[in-house]
Protein backbone atom coordinates (compact mmCIF):
# COMPACT_ATOMS: atom_id res chain seq x y z
CA MET A 1 121.78 57.01 71.45
CA ALA A 2 121.60 57.63 75.20
CA GLU A 3 118.71 60.01 74.55
CA ARG A 4 117.04 57.40 72.33
CA ASP A 5 117.30 54.81 75.09
CA ARG A 6 115.95 57.27 77.67
CA ARG A 7 112.89 57.98 75.54
CA TRP A 8 112.20 54.39 74.56
CA ASP A 9 112.57 53.24 78.17
CA LEU A 10 110.08 55.93 79.22
CA ALA A 11 107.67 54.70 76.54
CA ARG A 12 108.00 51.06 77.60
CA ALA A 13 107.43 51.94 81.27
CA PHE A 14 104.41 54.02 80.21
CA MET A 15 102.92 51.08 78.30
CA GLU A 16 103.51 48.77 81.24
CA ARG A 17 101.89 51.21 83.66
CA GLU A 18 98.90 51.89 81.39
CA GLY A 19 98.32 48.25 80.50
CA LEU A 20 99.13 48.77 76.81
CA ASP A 21 100.42 46.18 74.39
CA ALA A 22 101.62 48.83 71.92
CA LEU A 23 101.48 52.48 70.94
CA LEU A 24 100.13 53.74 67.62
CA VAL A 25 101.44 57.28 67.07
CA PHE A 26 100.33 59.54 64.23
CA GLY A 27 102.47 62.45 63.08
CA GLU A 28 101.56 65.60 61.19
CA HIS A 29 103.01 66.74 57.85
CA GLU A 30 106.55 68.11 58.21
CA ASP A 31 105.57 71.58 56.93
CA ALA A 32 102.85 72.04 59.56
CA GLY A 33 104.37 75.26 60.97
CA PRO A 34 104.17 76.43 64.60
CA ALA A 35 102.86 74.03 67.27
CA PRO A 36 103.09 70.95 65.04
CA PHE A 37 101.64 67.59 66.03
CA ALA A 38 104.99 65.77 65.76
CA PHE A 39 104.96 63.08 68.43
CA ASP A 40 106.38 60.64 65.87
CA THR A 41 109.72 62.46 65.92
CA TRP A 42 110.04 61.94 69.68
CA PHE A 43 110.35 58.22 68.96
CA THR A 44 112.36 58.39 65.72
CA ASN A 45 114.56 61.52 65.90
CA GLY A 46 113.81 61.67 62.19
CA ARG A 47 111.82 63.47 59.55
CA ALA A 48 108.34 64.49 60.67
CA GLY A 49 105.22 63.08 59.02
CA THR A 50 105.44 59.38 59.82
CA THR A 51 103.30 56.91 61.79
CA VAL A 52 104.95 54.88 64.55
CA VAL A 53 103.93 51.48 65.92
CA PHE A 54 105.79 50.70 69.15
CA PRO A 55 105.18 47.24 70.66
CA ARG A 56 105.78 47.03 74.40
CA ASP A 57 108.12 44.07 73.96
CA GLY A 58 109.97 45.28 70.88
CA ASP A 59 111.40 48.30 69.08
CA PRO A 60 109.35 50.94 67.24
CA ILE A 61 108.46 50.55 63.57
CA SER A 62 108.22 53.69 61.44
CA LEU A 63 105.71 53.87 58.59
CA PHE A 64 106.85 56.34 55.92
CA PRO A 65 104.42 58.40 53.79
CA MET A 66 106.41 58.20 50.53
CA GLU A 67 109.51 56.67 48.97
CA MET A 68 111.45 59.94 49.27
CA PHE A 69 111.64 59.36 53.04
CA THR A 70 113.36 56.03 52.38
CA LYS A 71 115.90 57.64 50.04
CA ASP A 72 116.68 60.31 52.63
CA HIS A 73 117.07 57.66 55.34
CA LEU A 74 119.44 55.68 53.13
CA GLU A 75 121.57 58.72 52.29
CA SER A 76 121.75 59.71 55.96
CA THR A 77 122.88 56.19 56.83
CA ARG A 78 125.53 56.27 54.10
CA ARG A 79 126.90 59.52 55.50
CA GLY A 80 127.23 58.08 58.98
CA ASP A 81 124.44 59.99 60.72
CA VAL A 82 123.18 58.59 64.02
CA ILE A 83 119.97 56.77 63.01
CA TRP A 84 117.47 55.55 65.61
CA ILE A 85 115.27 53.41 63.34
CA PRO A 86 117.13 50.73 61.33
CA PRO A 87 116.01 49.82 57.77
CA GLU A 88 114.37 46.57 58.90
CA ASN A 89 111.96 48.59 61.08
CA ILE A 90 110.78 50.84 58.25
CA ARG A 91 107.61 50.32 56.20
CA ALA A 92 106.93 51.98 52.84
CA SER A 93 103.42 53.31 53.49
CA ARG A 94 101.35 54.63 56.35
CA ASP A 95 97.84 54.11 55.02
CA SER A 96 95.27 51.94 56.84
CA ARG A 97 96.41 48.80 55.02
CA ALA A 98 100.03 49.33 56.07
CA ILE A 99 98.96 49.99 59.65
CA GLY A 100 96.89 46.80 59.63
CA ASP A 101 99.74 44.73 58.17
CA THR A 102 102.12 46.05 60.82
CA LEU A 103 99.75 45.31 63.70
CA ARG A 104 99.19 41.77 62.41
CA GLU A 105 102.94 41.27 61.90
CA LEU A 106 103.44 42.13 65.58
CA GLY A 107 100.63 39.86 66.73
CA LEU A 108 98.45 42.73 67.89
CA GLU A 109 95.08 41.53 66.55
CA LYS A 110 93.81 41.56 70.14
CA GLY A 111 94.71 43.47 73.29
CA THR A 112 95.01 47.17 74.05
CA ILE A 113 96.76 49.76 71.90
CA GLY A 114 97.35 53.34 72.99
CA VAL A 115 96.70 55.86 70.24
CA VAL A 116 98.26 59.31 69.87
CA GLY A 117 96.34 61.45 67.39
CA LEU A 118 92.67 61.05 68.28
CA GLU A 119 92.52 63.67 71.03
CA PRO A 120 92.27 67.47 70.71
CA TYR A 121 95.54 69.33 70.26
CA PRO A 122 95.30 73.13 70.44
CA PRO A 123 95.11 75.28 68.50
CA TRP A 124 95.00 73.56 65.11
CA HIS A 125 93.35 70.22 65.85
CA PRO A 126 90.28 70.59 68.07
CA GLU A 127 89.26 66.97 67.41
CA GLY A 128 92.51 65.20 66.58
CA ILE A 129 94.49 64.69 63.37
CA VAL A 130 93.56 61.15 62.25
CA PRO A 131 91.48 61.06 59.03
CA TYR A 132 88.04 59.49 59.40
CA ARG A 133 88.39 57.07 56.49
CA LEU A 134 91.76 55.77 57.71
CA TRP A 135 90.57 55.30 61.26
CA ASN A 136 87.32 53.66 60.22
CA ASN A 137 89.31 51.15 58.15
CA VAL A 138 91.57 50.35 61.10
CA LEU A 139 88.61 49.81 63.41
CA THR A 140 86.96 47.54 60.84
CA GLN A 141 90.13 45.43 60.52
CA PHE A 142 90.57 44.99 64.29
CA PRO A 143 87.20 44.55 66.01
CA GLU A 144 88.83 42.78 68.97
CA VAL A 145 91.42 45.46 69.73
CA ARG A 146 90.75 48.03 72.43
CA PHE A 147 92.11 51.35 71.18
CA LYS A 148 92.76 53.79 74.02
CA GLN A 149 93.43 57.52 73.65
CA VAL A 150 96.70 58.31 75.44
CA ALA A 151 98.02 61.52 73.88
CA MET A 152 97.51 63.72 76.94
CA ALA A 153 99.02 61.21 79.34
CA LEU A 154 102.02 60.66 77.05
CA SER A 155 102.42 64.42 76.57
CA ARG A 156 102.75 64.97 80.29
CA LEU A 157 105.29 62.16 80.45
CA ILE A 158 107.57 63.67 77.80
CA MET A 159 107.30 67.35 78.78
CA PRO A 160 110.19 67.22 81.30
CA LEU A 161 113.13 67.30 78.91
CA GLY A 162 116.33 65.30 79.30
CA HIS A 163 119.74 66.96 79.65
CA GLU A 164 120.52 66.64 75.95
CA GLU A 165 117.14 68.11 75.03
CA ILE A 166 117.66 71.08 77.35
CA ALA A 167 120.97 71.79 75.64
CA VAL A 168 119.14 71.75 72.29
CA VAL A 169 116.46 74.13 73.60
CA ARG A 170 119.14 76.53 74.84
CA HIS A 171 120.74 76.46 71.40
CA SER A 172 117.39 77.09 69.73
CA ALA A 173 116.76 80.04 72.04
CA ARG A 174 120.11 81.58 71.12
CA ILE A 175 119.29 81.25 67.43
CA GLY A 176 115.88 82.83 68.04
CA ASP A 177 117.55 85.82 69.69
CA ALA A 178 119.89 86.14 66.71
CA MET A 179 116.88 86.15 64.39
CA VAL A 180 115.27 88.97 66.36
CA ARG A 181 118.50 91.01 66.48
CA ALA A 182 118.77 90.72 62.70
CA MET A 183 115.21 92.03 62.41
CA VAL A 184 115.94 94.98 64.70
CA ASP A 185 119.13 95.80 62.80
CA THR A 186 117.22 95.83 59.49
CA ALA A 187 114.05 97.65 60.53
CA ALA A 188 113.92 101.36 59.68
CA ALA A 189 111.58 103.84 58.04
CA GLY A 190 111.57 103.32 54.28
CA VAL A 191 112.43 99.60 54.46
CA PRO A 192 109.88 97.06 53.16
CA GLU A 193 108.63 94.84 55.95
CA SER A 194 109.54 91.82 53.80
CA GLU A 195 113.24 92.72 54.19
CA VAL A 196 112.90 92.64 57.97
CA TYR A 197 111.13 89.28 57.74
CA ALA A 198 113.82 87.96 55.41
CA ALA A 199 116.63 89.13 57.69
CA GLY A 200 115.15 87.23 60.63
CA MET A 201 114.58 84.02 58.69
CA ALA A 202 118.02 84.20 57.06
CA ALA A 203 119.66 84.46 60.49
CA GLY A 204 117.93 81.21 61.45
CA TYR A 205 118.91 79.44 58.24
CA ALA A 206 122.53 80.64 58.53
CA ARG A 207 122.80 79.15 62.02
CA GLY A 208 121.72 75.71 60.92
CA THR A 209 118.00 75.47 61.48
CA ILE A 210 114.84 75.77 59.39
CA PRO A 211 112.52 78.02 61.41
CA ALA A 212 108.77 77.93 60.98
CA ALA A 213 107.24 80.87 59.16
CA MET A 214 106.92 83.67 61.68
CA HIS A 215 103.81 85.66 62.53
CA PHE A 216 104.49 89.22 61.45
CA TRP A 217 102.49 92.43 61.26
CA SER A 218 103.58 96.05 61.02
CA GLY A 219 101.91 99.45 61.15
CA PRO A 220 101.24 102.31 63.56
CA ASP A 221 98.87 100.20 65.67
CA PRO A 222 98.43 96.62 64.35
CA LEU A 223 96.02 94.41 66.29
CA ALA A 224 96.64 91.06 64.62
CA SER A 225 98.78 87.95 64.82
CA GLY A 226 99.51 85.66 61.92
CA LEU A 227 101.48 85.25 58.72
CA PRO A 228 102.03 88.50 56.77
CA GLN A 229 99.24 89.13 54.31
CA TRP A 230 101.59 89.09 51.32
CA GLY A 231 102.35 85.48 52.20
CA TYR A 232 98.87 84.30 51.28
CA ARG A 233 97.38 87.11 49.12
CA PRO A 234 98.85 88.69 45.98
CA GLN A 235 99.70 92.08 47.45
CA ALA A 236 102.84 94.07 48.12
CA PRO A 237 104.52 94.21 51.54
CA ARG A 238 104.16 97.44 53.52
CA THR A 239 106.98 99.94 53.66
CA LEU A 240 107.85 100.82 57.24
CA ARG A 241 107.29 104.37 58.47
CA ASP A 242 108.48 106.35 61.44
CA GLY A 243 106.16 105.63 64.36
CA ASP A 244 105.37 102.08 63.19
CA ILE A 245 105.78 98.99 65.29
CA ILE A 246 106.53 95.43 64.24
CA SER A 247 104.61 92.79 66.16
CA ALA A 248 106.01 89.32 65.52
CA GLU A 249 106.14 85.78 66.85
CA VAL A 250 109.43 84.13 65.96
CA PHE A 251 109.47 80.32 66.03
CA CYS A 252 112.76 78.47 66.17
CA ASN A 253 113.07 74.68 65.91
CA VAL A 254 116.31 72.79 66.44
CA GLY A 255 116.21 69.00 66.35
CA GLY A 256 112.49 68.85 67.09
CA ARG A 257 112.72 71.06 70.17
CA HIS A 258 110.95 74.38 69.84
CA THR A 259 111.42 77.86 71.25
CA GLN A 260 109.20 80.91 70.78
CA HIS A 261 110.11 84.57 70.87
CA GLN A 262 107.52 87.34 71.22
CA VAL A 263 108.67 90.55 69.57
CA THR A 264 107.61 94.19 69.60
CA ILE A 265 109.95 96.51 67.68
CA ALA A 266 109.34 100.26 67.65
CA ILE A 267 110.41 102.27 64.59
CA GLY A 268 111.25 105.65 66.07
CA GLU A 269 109.79 106.97 69.30
CA PRO A 270 107.22 104.61 70.86
CA HIS A 271 103.76 105.96 71.65
CA GLU A 272 103.16 106.58 75.36
CA ASP A 273 100.27 104.09 75.42
CA LEU A 274 102.61 101.46 74.00
CA ARG A 275 105.08 102.13 76.82
CA ARG A 276 102.30 101.81 79.38
CA ALA A 277 101.09 98.55 77.82
CA ALA A 278 104.63 97.16 77.86
CA GLY A 279 104.91 98.01 81.54
CA VAL A 280 101.79 95.97 82.36
CA ALA A 281 102.96 93.05 80.20
CA ARG A 282 106.39 93.10 81.84
CA THR A 283 104.85 93.04 85.31
CA ALA A 284 102.84 89.98 84.27
CA TYR A 285 105.98 88.36 82.85
CA ASP A 286 107.87 88.84 86.12
CA ALA A 287 104.91 87.50 88.12
CA GLY A 288 104.92 84.38 85.97
CA LEU A 289 108.64 83.87 86.54
CA ARG A 290 108.15 84.02 90.31
CA ALA A 291 105.38 81.41 90.11
CA LEU A 292 107.16 78.95 87.79
CA ARG A 293 108.47 76.51 90.39
CA PRO A 294 108.52 72.70 90.63
CA GLY A 295 105.58 71.32 92.57
CA ARG A 296 103.22 74.11 91.58
CA THR A 297 100.72 73.82 88.74
CA PHE A 298 100.37 75.50 85.40
CA GLY A 299 97.14 77.01 86.74
CA ASP A 300 99.13 78.66 89.55
CA VAL A 301 101.34 80.33 86.94
CA VAL A 302 98.33 81.48 84.94
CA ASP A 303 96.76 82.98 88.08
CA ALA A 304 99.97 84.87 88.87
CA VAL A 305 100.28 86.21 85.33
CA ARG A 306 96.64 87.26 85.22
CA GLN A 307 96.68 89.37 88.39
CA PRO A 308 98.47 92.42 86.93
CA LEU A 309 96.56 92.04 83.65
CA ASP A 310 93.21 92.01 85.42
CA ALA A 311 94.20 94.94 87.64
CA ALA A 312 95.09 97.35 84.81
CA ASP A 313 92.54 99.39 82.90
CA GLY A 314 93.45 98.29 79.37
CA TRP A 315 92.76 94.95 77.72
CA GLU A 316 94.39 91.63 76.84
CA PHE A 317 94.76 90.54 73.23
CA GLY A 318 95.56 86.82 73.53
CA PRO A 319 97.00 84.06 75.75
CA ALA A 320 99.85 85.08 78.05
CA VAL A 321 101.65 81.75 78.52
CA HIS A 322 101.56 78.28 77.00
CA ALA A 323 103.50 75.03 77.06
CA LEU A 324 106.12 74.01 74.53
CA ASN A 325 107.52 70.60 73.61
CA PRO A 326 104.62 69.71 73.34
CA ALA A 327 102.08 72.57 73.39
CA ILE A 328 99.47 70.93 75.63
CA ALA A 329 98.76 73.77 78.09
CA LEU A 330 97.39 77.25 77.30
CA SER A 331 96.43 80.10 79.58
CA GLY A 332 92.85 81.35 79.46
CA PHE A 333 92.02 84.91 78.52
CA PRO A 334 88.89 87.03 78.14
CA ALA A 335 87.26 87.71 74.79
CA ASP A 336 88.38 91.33 75.00
CA ALA A 337 89.34 91.53 71.33
CA SER A 338 85.76 91.09 70.17
CA ARG A 339 84.61 93.83 72.54
CA ARG A 340 87.46 96.33 72.14
CA MET A 341 88.26 96.33 68.42
CA ALA A 342 86.27 98.59 66.13
CA GLY A 343 84.30 96.55 63.63
CA ALA A 344 84.51 93.33 65.63
CA SER A 345 80.74 93.26 66.16
CA ALA A 346 80.32 92.26 62.48
CA TYR A 347 82.04 88.92 63.21
CA PRO A 348 80.78 85.88 65.11
CA PRO A 349 80.92 86.53 68.87
CA GLU A 350 83.98 85.26 70.71
CA ASP A 351 83.65 83.48 74.04
CA ASP A 352 86.06 83.82 76.93
CA HIS A 353 88.84 81.26 76.60
CA PRO A 354 89.34 78.80 79.49
CA THR A 355 92.76 77.66 80.66
CA ILE A 356 93.78 74.30 79.21
CA SER A 357 95.64 71.81 81.47
CA GLY A 358 95.60 74.04 84.51
CA ASP A 359 96.22 70.99 86.70
CA LEU A 360 99.55 70.20 85.01
CA ALA A 361 102.14 69.74 87.78
CA LEU A 362 105.38 71.57 87.02
CA GLU A 363 108.57 69.54 86.87
CA PRO A 364 112.18 70.55 86.10
CA GLY A 365 112.86 70.50 82.37
CA MET A 366 109.41 71.59 81.23
CA THR A 367 109.43 74.44 78.70
CA PHE A 368 106.96 77.30 78.34
CA ALA A 369 106.45 80.29 76.07
CA PHE A 370 105.96 83.38 78.21
CA GLU A 371 104.16 85.89 75.96
CA PRO A 372 102.19 88.39 78.09
CA ASN A 373 100.46 91.04 76.03
CA TYR A 374 98.46 94.12 76.84
CA ALA A 375 96.85 97.02 75.01
CA PHE A 376 95.68 100.52 75.75
CA GLY A 377 93.32 101.48 72.95
CA ARG A 378 94.97 100.15 69.81
CA ARG A 379 98.52 100.19 71.23
CA LEU A 380 99.44 96.55 71.79
CA ALA A 381 102.66 95.38 73.43
CA TYR A 382 103.60 91.70 73.07
CA LEU A 383 106.80 90.52 74.72
CA GLY A 384 108.55 87.44 76.07
CA GLY A 385 110.38 84.26 75.18
CA THR A 386 111.07 80.71 76.29
CA VAL A 387 111.45 79.72 79.94
CA ILE A 388 112.47 76.35 81.43
CA VAL A 389 111.30 75.08 84.81
CA GLY A 390 114.50 74.74 86.85
CA GLU A 391 115.30 72.80 90.01
CA GLY A 392 114.53 76.01 91.91
CA GLU A 393 114.61 79.28 89.99
CA PRO A 394 113.24 79.27 86.42
CA ILE A 395 115.72 79.39 83.55
CA GLU A 396 114.91 82.48 81.46
CA LEU A 397 116.34 81.98 77.98
CA ASN A 398 115.26 85.16 76.20
CA PRO A 399 115.38 88.27 78.39
CA TYR A 400 116.30 90.20 75.24
CA THR A 401 112.74 89.98 73.87
CA ALA A 402 111.02 90.47 77.23
CA ARG A 403 110.69 94.21 76.55
CA ILE A 404 110.00 96.60 73.68
CA LEU A 405 112.93 96.81 71.26
CA ARG A 406 113.82 99.99 69.41
CA ALA A 407 115.02 100.21 65.82
CA ALA A 408 116.54 103.59 65.04
CA GLY A 409 118.30 103.75 61.70
CA GLY A 410 119.65 100.25 62.14
CA ASP A 411 120.90 100.87 65.71
CA ALA A 412 119.17 98.46 68.11
CA THR A 413 118.61 99.82 71.60
CA ILE A 414 116.38 98.99 74.53
CA CYS A 415 113.26 101.15 74.61
CA ALA A 416 113.67 103.88 77.21
CA GLY A 417 110.09 103.34 78.32
CA VAL A 418 110.93 100.01 79.97
CA ASP A 419 113.45 99.59 82.76
CA SER A 420 116.43 97.89 81.11
CA SER A 421 117.52 96.48 84.49
CA SER A 422 114.44 94.21 84.46
C-alpha cells in the first residue's frame, strides 16, 4: 500500500502541476505481448485491460471490460490479496457510455482532463490505442471539456521506479536469466527448436511469472526477429544442427515491471564473423554502460553506443537500446537491413530510424534494455539485458546474456570468442 500511495500522490501532484481536473487512462488488452500499453496497471496494480478515471480530488475508478474481471477481483479479495481499487470504485463496462457516466458522476462535464492513450507509443501504436468510434462518442458527449494529451509527460514522471519496483525488476531479471540458462541447457544438435523455446518459457512459469511470448529464430545465419514461424503458420519447428545459432529476445514480466534479455546461443563452434560481430556489440554495450549516468540524457547514451557501431565495417540490424517501464525511448539506427540483406530490394524501402526521446533526462531508477547488435555479412550477434540507472554507476542486471552463449551437448559455457572477464 505504500507503493500505491507513492504512485497516487505522484499522479495527484502531476494533475495539480498540469492544471488537470482528472486523468482518463486507457489500457491495452492483457495479452498484448512485449511493450504493452498498460498504464492502467500503474494505477490499479491489477489485471491489464481496464480504463481508469482518476479525479484530482478523489481516488481512481477502474472500468472493467467484462464481468470476468469482477469475479477475479472478488475472488482475490476473498483470499486476502492486497487490493488497491475497492469494489465501490469499479464499473462494469469501459465503453463510451460507461466513460461518460463516470465523468458525469464525478462532476467532470467541464474543465480539463488529461488523456493517456491518444499519443503515439512505439512500436505497436504509431497513432495511439483509443478506437475512433469510442473517442468520437466521448467528444460528442462532452463538448465543454478540454481533453489534453499527457501520455508522454506522465511516462517521464513514472519512469524512475520506487524502491519496491526496483526489487521487482531485479527479481524479474533473475527469472529472465533462469529462462535463458534453461534454453542453453536444452539446445543441442538434433533437438527441435520448439523444445528450447518450451524450456525457456517453462522456467519462467515455474518461477511464478507469465512471460510474454519470446522472439525466437534459429539457423546457421538467421537475420530476423519475431515470434517463431510455427507460432503463426502451420509448419513444423526446425531441428537444430551443429553450427546453428539461436537468436532470441526473452521478455520477463513480474508484477507489471518488465525486463528484456537479448540472447545469442551458438550450437557448436561459432563462426569467426559471429565472434567479430559480438566483439563490436560488446564494445557498444560497455560504452553505453559508461554513459548511463544521472543528469545525462538518453541521447548521450545513444551517441556513446553508436560510436563503436559506426566505426566498424559491418552493419547494424536494429535498435541498440530502449527504455523499459514504460518503453518511451528508442535509439535510432540506419536502414542497413534493407541495403545489406539479399532480396530486400523487393520490399518497400526502409528509411533511417531517428532516436525517440533523445532529450529524456536520466534519473536513478529508470530502466533500459541494452541490446546492441552487429553483423558481418549474415552473421548477426545480438546481446544484452536490463540495466537500471543508479545513483552513480549503472546497475547491470544481466551480464550473463551480454555475450555469446555456447550450447555444447547440454553444457553451457561462455563463448571463447568473447572475453569472459567483461
